Protein backbone atom coordinates (compact mmCIF):
# COMPACT_ATOMS: atom_id res chain seq x y z
CA MET A 1 37.48 -149.24 35.39
CA PHE A 2 40.04 -146.57 34.51
CA GLU A 3 42.77 -147.50 37.00
CA SER A 4 44.73 -149.63 34.53
CA ALA A 5 44.92 -146.66 32.15
CA GLU A 6 46.55 -144.44 34.78
CA VAL A 7 49.74 -146.41 35.37
CA GLY A 8 51.69 -144.33 32.85
CA HIS A 9 52.37 -146.70 29.94
CA ARG A 10 55.33 -145.65 27.80
CA ILE A 11 56.85 -146.65 24.44
CA ASP A 12 60.21 -145.13 23.42
CA LYS A 13 60.77 -143.71 19.94
CA ASP A 14 62.90 -146.56 18.58
CA GLU A 15 60.48 -149.24 19.70
CA TYR A 16 57.61 -147.15 18.34
CA ARG A 17 59.14 -146.86 14.88
CA GLN A 18 59.78 -150.60 14.67
CA MET A 19 56.32 -151.61 15.89
CA ARG A 20 54.62 -148.95 13.77
CA ALA A 21 56.06 -150.30 10.51
CA GLN A 22 55.01 -153.86 11.30
CA LEU A 23 51.58 -152.87 12.57
CA ARG A 24 50.79 -150.62 9.63
CA THR A 25 51.49 -153.45 7.19
CA ALA A 26 49.44 -155.88 9.26
CA LEU A 27 46.51 -153.46 9.39
CA LEU A 28 46.53 -153.02 5.62
CA ASP A 29 46.62 -156.78 5.09
CA ALA A 30 43.69 -157.29 7.46
CA GLN A 31 41.76 -154.49 5.79
CA PHE A 32 42.34 -156.07 2.36
CA GLU A 33 41.10 -159.46 3.59
CA LEU A 34 38.06 -157.82 5.15
CA ARG A 35 37.28 -156.16 1.85
CA GLU A 36 37.74 -159.42 -0.06
CA SER A 37 35.53 -161.43 2.29
CA GLY A 38 32.67 -158.92 2.44
CA ARG A 39 31.23 -160.94 5.31
CA PHE A 40 31.07 -158.21 7.94
CA SER A 41 31.67 -154.51 8.53
CA VAL A 42 33.64 -152.85 11.32
CA VAL A 43 32.47 -149.84 13.33
CA ILE A 44 35.03 -148.18 15.61
CA LEU A 45 33.61 -145.92 18.31
CA ILE A 46 35.97 -143.18 19.54
CA ASN A 47 35.06 -141.70 22.93
CA GLY A 48 36.83 -140.40 26.00
CA VAL A 49 38.39 -137.47 27.81
CA ASP A 50 39.29 -134.22 26.02
CA GLY A 51 43.00 -134.10 25.21
CA ALA A 52 43.48 -137.87 25.33
CA GLY A 53 44.24 -138.16 21.63
CA LYS A 54 40.89 -139.12 20.11
CA GLY A 55 41.28 -136.93 17.04
CA GLU A 56 44.89 -137.96 16.51
CA THR A 57 43.89 -141.63 16.60
CA VAL A 58 41.14 -141.12 14.04
CA ASN A 59 43.67 -139.41 11.75
CA LEU A 60 46.16 -142.21 12.35
CA LEU A 61 43.75 -145.00 11.43
CA THR A 62 42.59 -143.26 8.26
CA LYS A 63 46.23 -142.56 7.33
CA TRP A 64 47.52 -146.09 7.94
CA MET A 65 44.74 -147.86 6.06
CA ASP A 66 43.40 -147.69 2.51
CA PRO A 67 41.23 -144.54 2.51
CA ARG A 68 38.86 -146.03 -0.08
CA HIS A 69 37.53 -148.53 2.42
CA ILE A 70 37.55 -146.61 5.69
CA GLU A 71 35.42 -143.57 6.43
CA ALA A 72 35.44 -141.33 9.49
CA TRP A 73 32.40 -139.47 10.79
CA ALA A 74 32.47 -136.71 13.41
CA PHE A 75 29.21 -135.70 15.05
CA ASP A 76 28.70 -132.21 16.39
CA ALA A 77 25.62 -130.87 18.14
CA PRO A 78 22.43 -132.11 16.44
CA THR A 79 21.04 -129.91 13.65
CA ALA A 80 17.34 -129.14 13.16
CA GLU A 81 17.25 -131.97 10.62
CA ASP A 82 18.54 -134.35 13.29
CA THR A 83 16.28 -133.21 16.15
CA GLU A 84 13.14 -133.71 14.04
CA ARG A 85 13.90 -137.42 13.84
CA PRO A 86 14.75 -140.12 16.39
CA ARG A 87 18.10 -139.63 18.14
CA MET A 88 19.71 -142.62 16.44
CA TRP A 89 18.74 -141.56 12.90
CA ARG A 90 21.98 -139.76 12.08
CA TYR A 91 24.09 -142.67 13.31
CA TRP A 92 22.16 -145.28 11.34
CA ARG A 93 22.89 -143.39 8.14
CA THR A 94 26.67 -143.74 8.62
CA LEU A 95 26.81 -147.51 9.14
CA PRO A 96 29.34 -148.89 6.63
CA LEU A 97 28.79 -151.50 3.96
CA ARG A 98 30.07 -155.01 4.67
CA GLY A 99 33.76 -155.20 3.85
CA LYS A 100 34.34 -151.61 4.98
CA ILE A 101 35.30 -149.78 8.18
CA GLY A 102 33.55 -146.81 9.74
CA VAL A 103 35.10 -144.65 12.48
CA LEU A 104 32.51 -142.72 14.52
CA PHE A 105 33.87 -139.84 16.56
CA GLY A 106 31.34 -138.23 18.91
CA ASN A 107 28.83 -141.05 18.44
CA TRP A 108 25.68 -142.19 20.25
CA TYR A 109 27.45 -142.04 23.63
CA GLU A 110 28.70 -138.46 23.41
CA SER A 111 25.55 -136.36 23.80
CA LEU A 112 24.09 -138.83 26.28
CA LEU A 113 27.11 -138.62 28.59
CA LEU A 114 27.26 -134.84 28.42
CA GLY A 115 23.52 -134.62 29.05
CA ARG A 116 23.95 -136.61 32.25
CA VAL A 117 27.05 -134.64 33.31
CA ASP A 118 25.11 -131.39 32.86
CA LYS A 119 22.11 -132.93 34.68
CA HIS A 120 19.81 -132.37 31.73
CA ILE A 121 19.10 -136.10 31.85
CA GLY A 122 18.02 -137.85 35.05
CA GLN A 123 19.55 -141.10 36.25
CA ALA A 124 16.52 -143.23 35.35
CA GLU A 125 16.35 -141.83 31.80
CA PHE A 126 20.12 -142.18 31.47
CA ASP A 127 20.01 -145.86 32.41
CA GLN A 128 17.05 -146.46 30.10
CA GLN A 129 18.94 -144.98 27.16
CA LEU A 130 22.00 -147.06 28.01
CA ASP A 131 19.80 -150.16 27.94
CA ASP A 132 18.45 -149.03 24.56
CA ILE A 133 22.05 -148.76 23.33
CA ASN A 134 22.79 -152.29 24.54
CA ARG A 135 19.88 -153.62 22.47
CA PHE A 136 20.99 -151.59 19.46
CA GLU A 137 24.57 -152.87 19.68
CA ALA A 138 23.40 -156.47 20.15
CA MET A 139 21.33 -156.05 16.98
CA LEU A 140 24.40 -154.75 15.11
CA LYS A 141 26.34 -157.82 16.19
CA HIS A 142 23.61 -160.11 14.85
CA GLU A 143 23.67 -158.13 11.59
CA ASN A 144 27.40 -158.83 11.05
CA VAL A 145 28.74 -155.56 12.37
CA VAL A 146 31.89 -155.88 14.49
CA LEU A 147 31.92 -153.11 17.11
CA ILE A 148 35.21 -151.85 18.54
CA LYS A 149 34.58 -149.41 21.38
CA LEU A 150 37.64 -147.38 22.45
CA TRP A 151 37.61 -145.09 25.47
CA PHE A 152 40.59 -142.71 25.62
CA HIS A 153 41.40 -141.89 29.21
CA LEU A 154 43.54 -139.37 31.07
CA SER A 155 43.75 -138.70 34.80
CA LYS A 156 42.83 -135.19 35.88
CA ASP A 157 46.47 -134.18 36.30
CA ALA A 158 47.43 -135.70 32.96
CA GLN A 159 44.53 -133.93 31.24
CA LYS A 160 45.61 -130.58 32.67
CA ALA A 161 49.19 -131.14 31.56
CA ARG A 162 48.05 -132.20 28.10
CA LEU A 163 45.88 -129.12 27.59
CA LYS A 164 48.66 -126.80 28.75
CA SER A 165 51.14 -128.50 26.44
CA LEU A 166 48.81 -128.07 23.47
CA GLU A 167 48.27 -124.40 24.36
CA LYS A 168 51.98 -123.76 24.63
CA ASP A 169 52.73 -125.00 21.12
CA PRO A 170 51.71 -122.42 18.45
CA GLY A 171 50.98 -125.27 16.04
CA THR A 172 48.42 -126.89 18.33
CA ARG A 173 47.13 -123.93 20.35
CA TRP A 174 44.01 -123.70 18.19
CA ARG A 175 42.93 -127.14 19.33
CA VAL A 176 42.27 -126.05 22.92
CA THR A 177 39.00 -124.18 23.43
CA ALA A 178 37.20 -122.61 26.37
CA ALA A 179 34.87 -125.63 26.27
CA ASP A 180 37.85 -127.94 26.87
CA TRP A 181 38.74 -126.07 30.06
CA ARG A 182 35.12 -126.08 31.20
CA ASN A 183 35.07 -129.83 30.69
CA PHE A 184 38.30 -130.10 32.66
CA GLU A 185 36.69 -128.35 35.63
CA ARG A 186 34.06 -131.10 35.81
CA HIS A 187 36.53 -133.94 35.18
CA ASP A 188 35.54 -135.81 38.35
CA ARG A 189 31.84 -135.81 37.51
CA PHE A 190 32.53 -136.76 33.91
CA ARG A 191 34.66 -139.66 35.09
CA SER A 192 31.94 -140.88 37.45
CA VAL A 193 29.22 -140.71 34.80
CA ALA A 194 31.46 -142.32 32.19
CA GLU A 195 32.48 -145.18 34.46
CA HIS A 196 28.84 -145.95 35.19
CA ALA A 197 28.00 -145.88 31.47
CA LEU A 198 30.94 -148.04 30.46
CA ARG A 199 30.18 -150.67 33.06
CA ARG A 200 26.54 -150.82 32.00
CA THR A 201 27.34 -151.05 28.26
CA SER A 202 30.47 -153.20 28.25
CA THR A 203 28.91 -156.45 27.06
CA GLY A 204 30.12 -159.72 25.62
CA ASP A 205 28.95 -158.56 22.19
CA ALA A 206 30.54 -155.10 22.46
CA PRO A 207 33.07 -154.65 25.29
CA TRP A 208 34.76 -151.34 26.04
CA LEU A 209 38.54 -151.11 25.72
CA VAL A 210 40.19 -148.33 27.72
CA VAL A 211 43.19 -146.65 26.08
CA ASP A 212 45.81 -144.83 28.15
CA GLY A 213 46.16 -141.48 26.39
CA SER A 214 49.08 -140.11 28.42
CA ASP A 215 51.78 -141.25 25.95
CA PRO A 216 51.02 -140.66 22.22
CA ASN A 217 53.28 -143.51 21.10
CA TYR A 218 51.64 -146.04 23.40
CA ARG A 219 48.15 -144.72 22.59
CA ASP A 220 48.61 -145.01 18.82
CA LEU A 221 50.04 -148.52 18.92
CA PHE A 222 47.51 -149.79 21.43
CA ALA A 223 44.54 -148.50 19.44
CA ALA A 224 45.87 -149.73 16.09
CA ARG A 225 46.83 -153.15 17.48
CA THR A 226 43.39 -153.52 19.06
CA VAL A 227 41.67 -152.85 15.72
CA HIS A 228 43.99 -155.31 13.98
CA GLU A 229 43.47 -158.08 16.52
CA VAL A 230 39.68 -157.76 16.55
CA VAL A 231 39.44 -157.82 12.76
CA ARG A 232 41.90 -160.71 12.51
CA LYS A 233 39.96 -162.72 15.07
CA ARG A 234 36.71 -162.36 13.16
CA LEU A 235 38.40 -163.19 9.84
CA ALA A 236 39.82 -166.34 11.42
CA GLU A 237 36.41 -167.32 12.76
CA ASP A 238 34.89 -166.95 9.29
CA ALA A 239 37.74 -168.91 7.68
CA GLY A 240 37.23 -171.70 10.18
CA GLY A 241 33.59 -172.09 9.30
CA TRP A 242 32.43 -170.26 12.40
CA VAL A 243 28.67 -170.02 12.63
CA GLU A 244 26.87 -168.18 15.37
CA ARG A 245 24.78 -170.57 17.44
CA ARG A 246 21.18 -169.53 17.05
CA SER A 247 18.05 -170.92 18.58
CA ALA A 248 14.56 -169.68 19.15
CA PRO A 249 11.65 -170.94 21.24
CA PRO A 250 8.83 -172.55 19.26
CA LEU A 251 5.84 -170.36 18.55
CA PRO A 252 2.62 -171.65 20.15
CA GLN A 253 -0.01 -172.94 17.75
CA ALA A 254 -3.73 -172.38 18.25
CA LEU A 255 -5.63 -175.51 19.27
CA ASP A 256 -8.43 -174.73 16.80
CA GLU A 257 -8.50 -173.14 13.34
CA ARG A 258 -9.65 -169.70 14.49
CA ASN A 259 -7.38 -166.67 14.18
CA VAL A 260 -7.56 -162.91 13.81
CA LEU A 261 -7.80 -163.15 10.00
CA ASN A 262 -10.23 -166.00 9.37
CA THR A 263 -12.76 -164.60 11.81
CA LEU A 264 -13.03 -161.29 9.90
CA GLU A 265 -16.14 -160.43 7.92
CA LEU A 266 -14.30 -159.65 4.71
CA ASP A 267 -17.32 -158.88 2.51
CA GLN A 268 -18.26 -155.46 3.80
CA VAL A 269 -20.89 -153.44 1.94
CA LEU A 270 -20.30 -150.01 0.43
CA ASP A 271 -21.58 -148.98 -2.99
CA LYS A 272 -19.81 -146.63 -5.37
CA LYS A 273 -22.06 -143.63 -4.75
CA ALA A 274 -21.64 -143.76 -0.97
CA TYR A 275 -17.92 -144.39 -1.45
CA GLU A 276 -17.41 -141.30 -3.61
CA ALA A 277 -19.26 -139.11 -1.13
CA GLN A 278 -17.22 -140.40 1.84
CA LEU A 279 -13.99 -140.26 -0.14
CA GLU A 280 -14.35 -136.56 -0.83
CA LEU A 281 -15.12 -135.75 2.81
CA LEU A 282 -12.28 -137.87 4.20
CA GLN A 283 -9.69 -136.55 1.76
CA GLY A 284 -10.61 -133.01 2.69
CA ARG A 285 -10.40 -133.89 6.38
CA LEU A 286 -6.96 -135.43 5.89
CA ALA A 287 -5.68 -132.47 3.87
CA LEU A 288 -6.66 -130.06 6.65
CA LEU A 289 -4.97 -132.19 9.29
CA LEU A 290 -1.62 -132.15 7.51
CA ARG A 291 -1.90 -128.37 7.11
CA ASP A 292 -2.72 -127.92 10.79
CA LYS A 293 -0.13 -125.86 12.67
CA ALA A 294 0.16 -128.61 15.26
CA PHE A 295 1.36 -131.05 12.58
CA ALA A 296 4.46 -128.89 12.09
CA ASP A 297 5.88 -130.61 15.19
CA ARG A 298 4.81 -134.10 14.12
CA SER A 299 5.29 -136.41 11.16
CA LEU A 300 3.27 -139.24 9.62
CA VAL A 301 4.62 -142.72 8.93
CA LEU A 302 2.08 -144.83 7.09
CA VAL A 303 2.73 -148.57 6.67
CA MET A 304 0.73 -150.46 4.04
CA GLU A 305 0.93 -154.23 4.20
CA GLY A 306 -1.40 -156.92 2.93
CA ALA A 307 -1.82 -159.99 0.78
CA ASP A 308 -0.90 -159.72 -2.90
CA ALA A 309 -3.69 -157.93 -4.82
CA ALA A 310 -5.31 -156.76 -1.57
CA GLY A 311 -5.55 -153.17 -2.83
CA LYS A 312 -2.57 -151.48 -1.17
CA GLY A 313 -1.77 -149.37 -4.21
CA GLY A 314 -5.35 -148.17 -4.59
CA ALA A 315 -5.55 -147.21 -0.92
CA ILE A 316 -2.24 -145.35 -1.15
CA ARG A 317 -3.45 -143.36 -4.16
CA ARG A 318 -6.55 -142.26 -2.26
CA VAL A 319 -4.38 -141.07 0.63
CA THR A 320 -1.91 -139.19 -1.58
CA GLY A 321 -4.80 -137.68 -3.50
CA ALA A 322 -5.46 -135.57 -0.41
CA LEU A 323 -1.88 -134.40 0.09
CA ASP A 324 0.41 -131.72 -1.26
CA VAL A 325 3.06 -133.53 -3.31
CA ARG A 326 5.76 -131.50 -1.49
CA ALA A 327 4.65 -132.90 1.86
CA TYR A 328 4.85 -136.65 1.29
CA ARG A 329 6.87 -139.43 -0.27
CA VAL A 330 5.87 -142.97 -1.20
CA VAL A 331 8.61 -145.55 -0.61
CA PRO A 332 8.00 -148.86 -2.43
CA ILE A 333 9.84 -151.77 -0.84
CA ALA A 334 11.08 -154.67 -2.95
CA ALA A 335 13.98 -157.13 -2.65
CA PRO A 336 17.00 -155.34 -1.12
CA THR A 337 19.68 -153.96 -3.41
CA ASP A 338 23.33 -154.90 -2.88
CA GLU A 339 23.81 -151.62 -1.00
CA GLU A 340 20.89 -152.40 1.30
CA ALA A 341 21.69 -156.10 1.78
CA GLY A 342 25.23 -155.18 2.84
CA ARG A 343 24.04 -153.27 5.90
CA PRO A 344 21.89 -154.05 8.96
CA TYR A 345 18.33 -154.90 7.97
CA LEU A 346 16.62 -151.75 9.25
CA TRP A 347 19.15 -149.39 7.63
CA ARG A 348 17.15 -148.95 4.44
CA PHE A 349 14.07 -147.90 6.41
CA TRP A 350 15.85 -145.58 8.82
CA ARG A 351 17.12 -143.47 5.94
CA HIS A 352 13.54 -142.67 4.86
CA VAL A 353 12.36 -141.43 8.27
CA PRO A 354 10.55 -138.11 7.65
CA ARG A 355 11.18 -134.72 9.18
CA HIS A 356 8.48 -132.87 11.09
CA GLY A 357 5.63 -131.66 8.93
CA LYS A 358 6.18 -134.46 6.39
CA ALA A 359 4.65 -137.85 5.62
CA VAL A 360 6.21 -141.05 4.32
CA ILE A 361 4.11 -143.93 3.04
CA PHE A 362 5.76 -147.34 2.92
CA ASP A 363 4.31 -149.66 0.28
CA ARG A 364 5.40 -152.77 2.12
CA SER A 365 7.89 -152.24 4.89
CA TRP A 366 10.25 -153.60 7.53
CA TYR A 367 7.69 -156.33 8.20
CA GLY A 368 9.10 -158.23 5.25
CA ARG A 369 11.53 -159.89 7.65
CA VAL A 370 8.72 -161.56 9.63
CA LEU A 371 6.63 -162.29 6.53
CA VAL A 372 8.28 -163.09 3.19
CA GLU A 373 11.78 -163.65 4.62
CA ARG A 374 10.38 -165.92 7.31
CA VAL A 375 8.09 -167.94 5.02
CA GLU A 376 10.54 -168.20 2.13
CA GLY A 377 13.49 -169.04 4.39
CA PHE A 378 15.55 -165.99 3.41
CA CYS A 379 16.66 -165.55 7.03
CA SER A 380 17.11 -167.84 10.01
CA GLU A 381 14.44 -168.47 12.61
CA ALA A 382 16.50 -166.54 15.15
CA ASP A 383 16.69 -163.57 12.76
CA TRP A 384 12.95 -163.19 12.34
CA MET A 385 12.23 -164.02 15.97
CA ARG A 386 14.45 -161.20 17.23
CA ALA A 387 13.05 -158.90 14.52
CA TYR A 388 9.79 -158.48 16.47
CA ALA A 389 11.58 -156.73 19.34
CA GLU A 390 13.82 -154.74 16.96
CA ILE A 391 10.79 -153.52 15.01
CA ASN A 392 8.96 -152.54 18.20
CA ASP A 393 12.05 -150.60 19.31
CA PHE A 394 12.25 -148.87 15.93
CA GLU A 395 8.60 -147.81 16.02
CA ASP A 396 8.87 -146.65 19.64
CA GLN A 397 11.75 -144.38 18.61
CA LEU A 398 9.66 -142.99 15.75
CA VAL A 399 6.74 -142.23 18.04
CA ASN A 400 8.93 -140.72 20.76
CA ALA A 401 10.39 -138.37 18.14
CA GLY A 402 6.93 -137.12 17.18
CA ALA A 403 5.88 -139.48 14.39
CA VAL A 404 2.32 -140.76 14.13
CA VAL A 405 2.77 -144.38 13.03
CA VAL A 406 -0.28 -145.88 11.33
CA LYS A 407 -0.05 -149.50 10.18
CA PHE A 408 -2.54 -151.33 7.96
CA TRP A 409 -2.97 -154.96 7.03
CA LEU A 410 -5.36 -155.28 4.09
CA ALA A 411 -7.02 -158.70 4.30
CA ILE A 412 -8.80 -160.47 1.45
CA SER A 413 -10.09 -164.01 1.06
CA GLU A 414 -8.27 -166.66 -0.93
CA ASP A 415 -11.11 -166.75 -3.47
CA GLU A 416 -11.08 -162.96 -3.91
CA GLN A 417 -7.32 -163.02 -4.49
CA LEU A 418 -7.75 -165.64 -7.23
CA THR A 419 -10.39 -163.50 -8.92
CA ARG A 420 -8.11 -160.45 -8.87
CA PHE A 421 -5.11 -162.44 -10.13
CA LYS A 422 -7.09 -163.68 -13.14
CA ALA A 423 -8.38 -160.17 -13.84
CA ARG A 424 -4.84 -158.83 -13.84
CA GLU A 425 -3.76 -161.43 -16.38
CA THR A 426 -6.52 -160.45 -18.81
CA GLU A 427 -6.38 -156.66 -18.48
CA SER A 428 -3.49 -155.21 -20.49
CA HIS A 429 -2.94 -152.21 -18.21
CA LYS A 430 -2.69 -154.47 -15.16
CA ARG A 431 -0.51 -157.29 -16.49
CA PHE A 432 2.60 -155.79 -14.92
CA LYS A 433 0.99 -156.30 -11.50
CA ILE A 434 0.98 -160.11 -11.67
CA THR A 435 4.18 -162.17 -11.59
CA GLU A 436 5.23 -165.76 -11.09
CA GLU A 437 6.24 -164.79 -7.58
CA ASP A 438 2.65 -163.81 -6.81
CA TRP A 439 1.42 -167.26 -7.82
CA ARG A 440 4.20 -168.91 -5.83
CA ASN A 441 3.28 -166.89 -2.74
CA ARG A 442 -0.35 -167.87 -3.18
CA ALA A 443 0.61 -171.54 -3.02
CA ARG A 444 1.85 -170.86 0.55
CA TRP A 445 -1.29 -169.06 1.65
CA ALA A 446 -1.63 -170.93 4.95
CA GLU A 447 2.00 -170.26 5.92
CA TYR A 448 1.65 -166.56 5.17
CA GLN A 449 -1.58 -166.35 7.15
CA HIS A 450 0.11 -167.91 10.17
CA ALA A 451 3.05 -165.50 9.86
CA VAL A 452 0.66 -162.53 9.60
CA CYS A 453 -1.19 -163.58 12.75
CA ASP A 454 2.09 -163.82 14.66
CA MET A 455 3.13 -160.41 13.33
CA LEU A 456 -0.12 -158.75 14.38
CA ASP A 457 0.05 -160.32 17.81
CA ARG A 458 3.68 -159.44 18.53
CA THR A 459 3.93 -155.96 17.02
CA SER A 460 0.58 -154.31 17.67
CA THR A 461 1.59 -151.96 20.45
CA GLU A 462 -0.14 -149.13 22.26
CA GLN A 463 2.00 -146.58 20.45
CA ALA A 464 1.81 -148.22 17.01
CA PRO A 465 -1.24 -150.52 16.79
CA TRP A 466 -2.21 -152.47 13.70
CA SER A 467 -5.45 -151.73 11.87
CA VAL A 468 -6.78 -154.76 10.01
CA VAL A 469 -8.86 -153.76 6.99
CA GLU A 470 -11.54 -155.99 5.49
CA ALA A 471 -10.59 -155.50 1.84
CA ASN A 472 -12.76 -157.76 -0.35
CA ASN A 473 -14.70 -154.57 -1.12
CA LYS A 474 -12.11 -152.05 -2.36
CA TYR A 475 -14.41 -149.10 -1.70
CA PHE A 476 -14.86 -150.08 1.92
CA ALA A 477 -11.12 -150.68 2.36
CA ARG A 478 -10.11 -147.27 0.98
CA VAL A 479 -12.63 -145.47 3.15
CA LYS A 480 -11.53 -147.35 6.27
CA VAL A 481 -7.89 -146.54 5.60
CA LEU A 482 -8.60 -142.83 5.18
CA ARG A 483 -10.88 -142.66 8.21
CA THR A 484 -8.33 -144.47 10.39
CA VAL A 485 -5.49 -142.14 9.33
CA CYS A 486 -7.66 -139.11 10.11
CA GLU A 487 -8.70 -140.46 13.51
CA ARG A 488 -5.12 -141.30 14.50
CA LEU A 489 -3.89 -137.86 13.46
CA GLU A 490 -6.77 -136.11 15.27
CA LYS A 491 -5.97 -138.00 18.43
CA ALA A 492 -2.26 -137.17 18.16
CA LEU A 493 -2.97 -133.50 17.47
CA GLU A 494 -5.67 -133.46 20.16
CA ARG A 495 -8.36 -132.43 17.69
């Protein structure tokens, strides 16, 4: 895959100056149109061999374009804050807003490649993580992120000459480290691992482009022209009314009226006295679990979903009543802000992923895509259909990083919801809880119930199962939520 980058491409100084002036203007024009359209964002991945000009190219791109709308990120070794969360967490946080460009130097490929070169990662795990990256990059494409993946290559002889040249010049000597020479000594293995990775992750959605780094003039123009052409192509597609072809297989319908919700016994019995006694015991049990030394290497992600007026807020308050305020955060989810809507859908949830020893409670969550957005038509069928797999991937990454993911659907009957809606309208301290949107959602009860059943079926996994709570009796629901959280934590902490 690297042979074409070893033929020794050259651009003389005069030709470089002429092409540079034209290309710089063209890049600025394309960047301005990208900003004006706001239809997509651009992420440029910079990877490759040491000494091939990666850093110089990052500096070039940020110099040639408007710095207000391009941002470069360089990733060093993961910090403690990074290692206590899923591996992709720190990259998600840097994804640019639509209309902007992000340059990621030392991105999600870097540590993975070095881990395989150093044999800290086996071949099977390496391939699995490359497949995970393919799914992630396909998701970015669907979320209107244009990926430009540049691999800067040098042959072994050219790399040696480049490092010596940098060392010889007092102005660039500082850029060559002992680590660079160690990497040079394993050039052949690095090349073999990289070629395997590039072949496995060069897809139609996100192909790799190999840049010959032996001549700085050629390298700069090639990289800049590539960025310009990719952005221009996407702008032209948008201007021409380009629409991605999307289709999804039909979801099977049950042949009778029975489903996981309408077969529940919603009217469970628990009186106030028994509730208060169990509440005290369960809150104490939960408090001790989050103070357990073993929890210092875990985190808790609690997802509260349910029909309007099902009692999510009351259940959350009983959970937080057992916790130290410094150890948890409640994240209420509503309609996305402009900042959130301008990035891939899961971005606003990734940024709230907790560190070890902490808990985050989502009052509604990422399941909005397969519930309200699906039913109300805020996204296409293909969007919510692929969301099931993307959500399962997200939750798997949380669990693999040490999170205990506990998900609740609070279920109430249609009659009970009506009773609670009317009570909210008449009680002054609860009027803020009832809106026209709640009544509108109620009118689509059957559609929401069908969407919920699909969600439970497709996203209840071994690592992150759903717990359906019979919630007509609020006392019973709160106790079941607390008991379930305790049991899941005890199992995870082997208590």
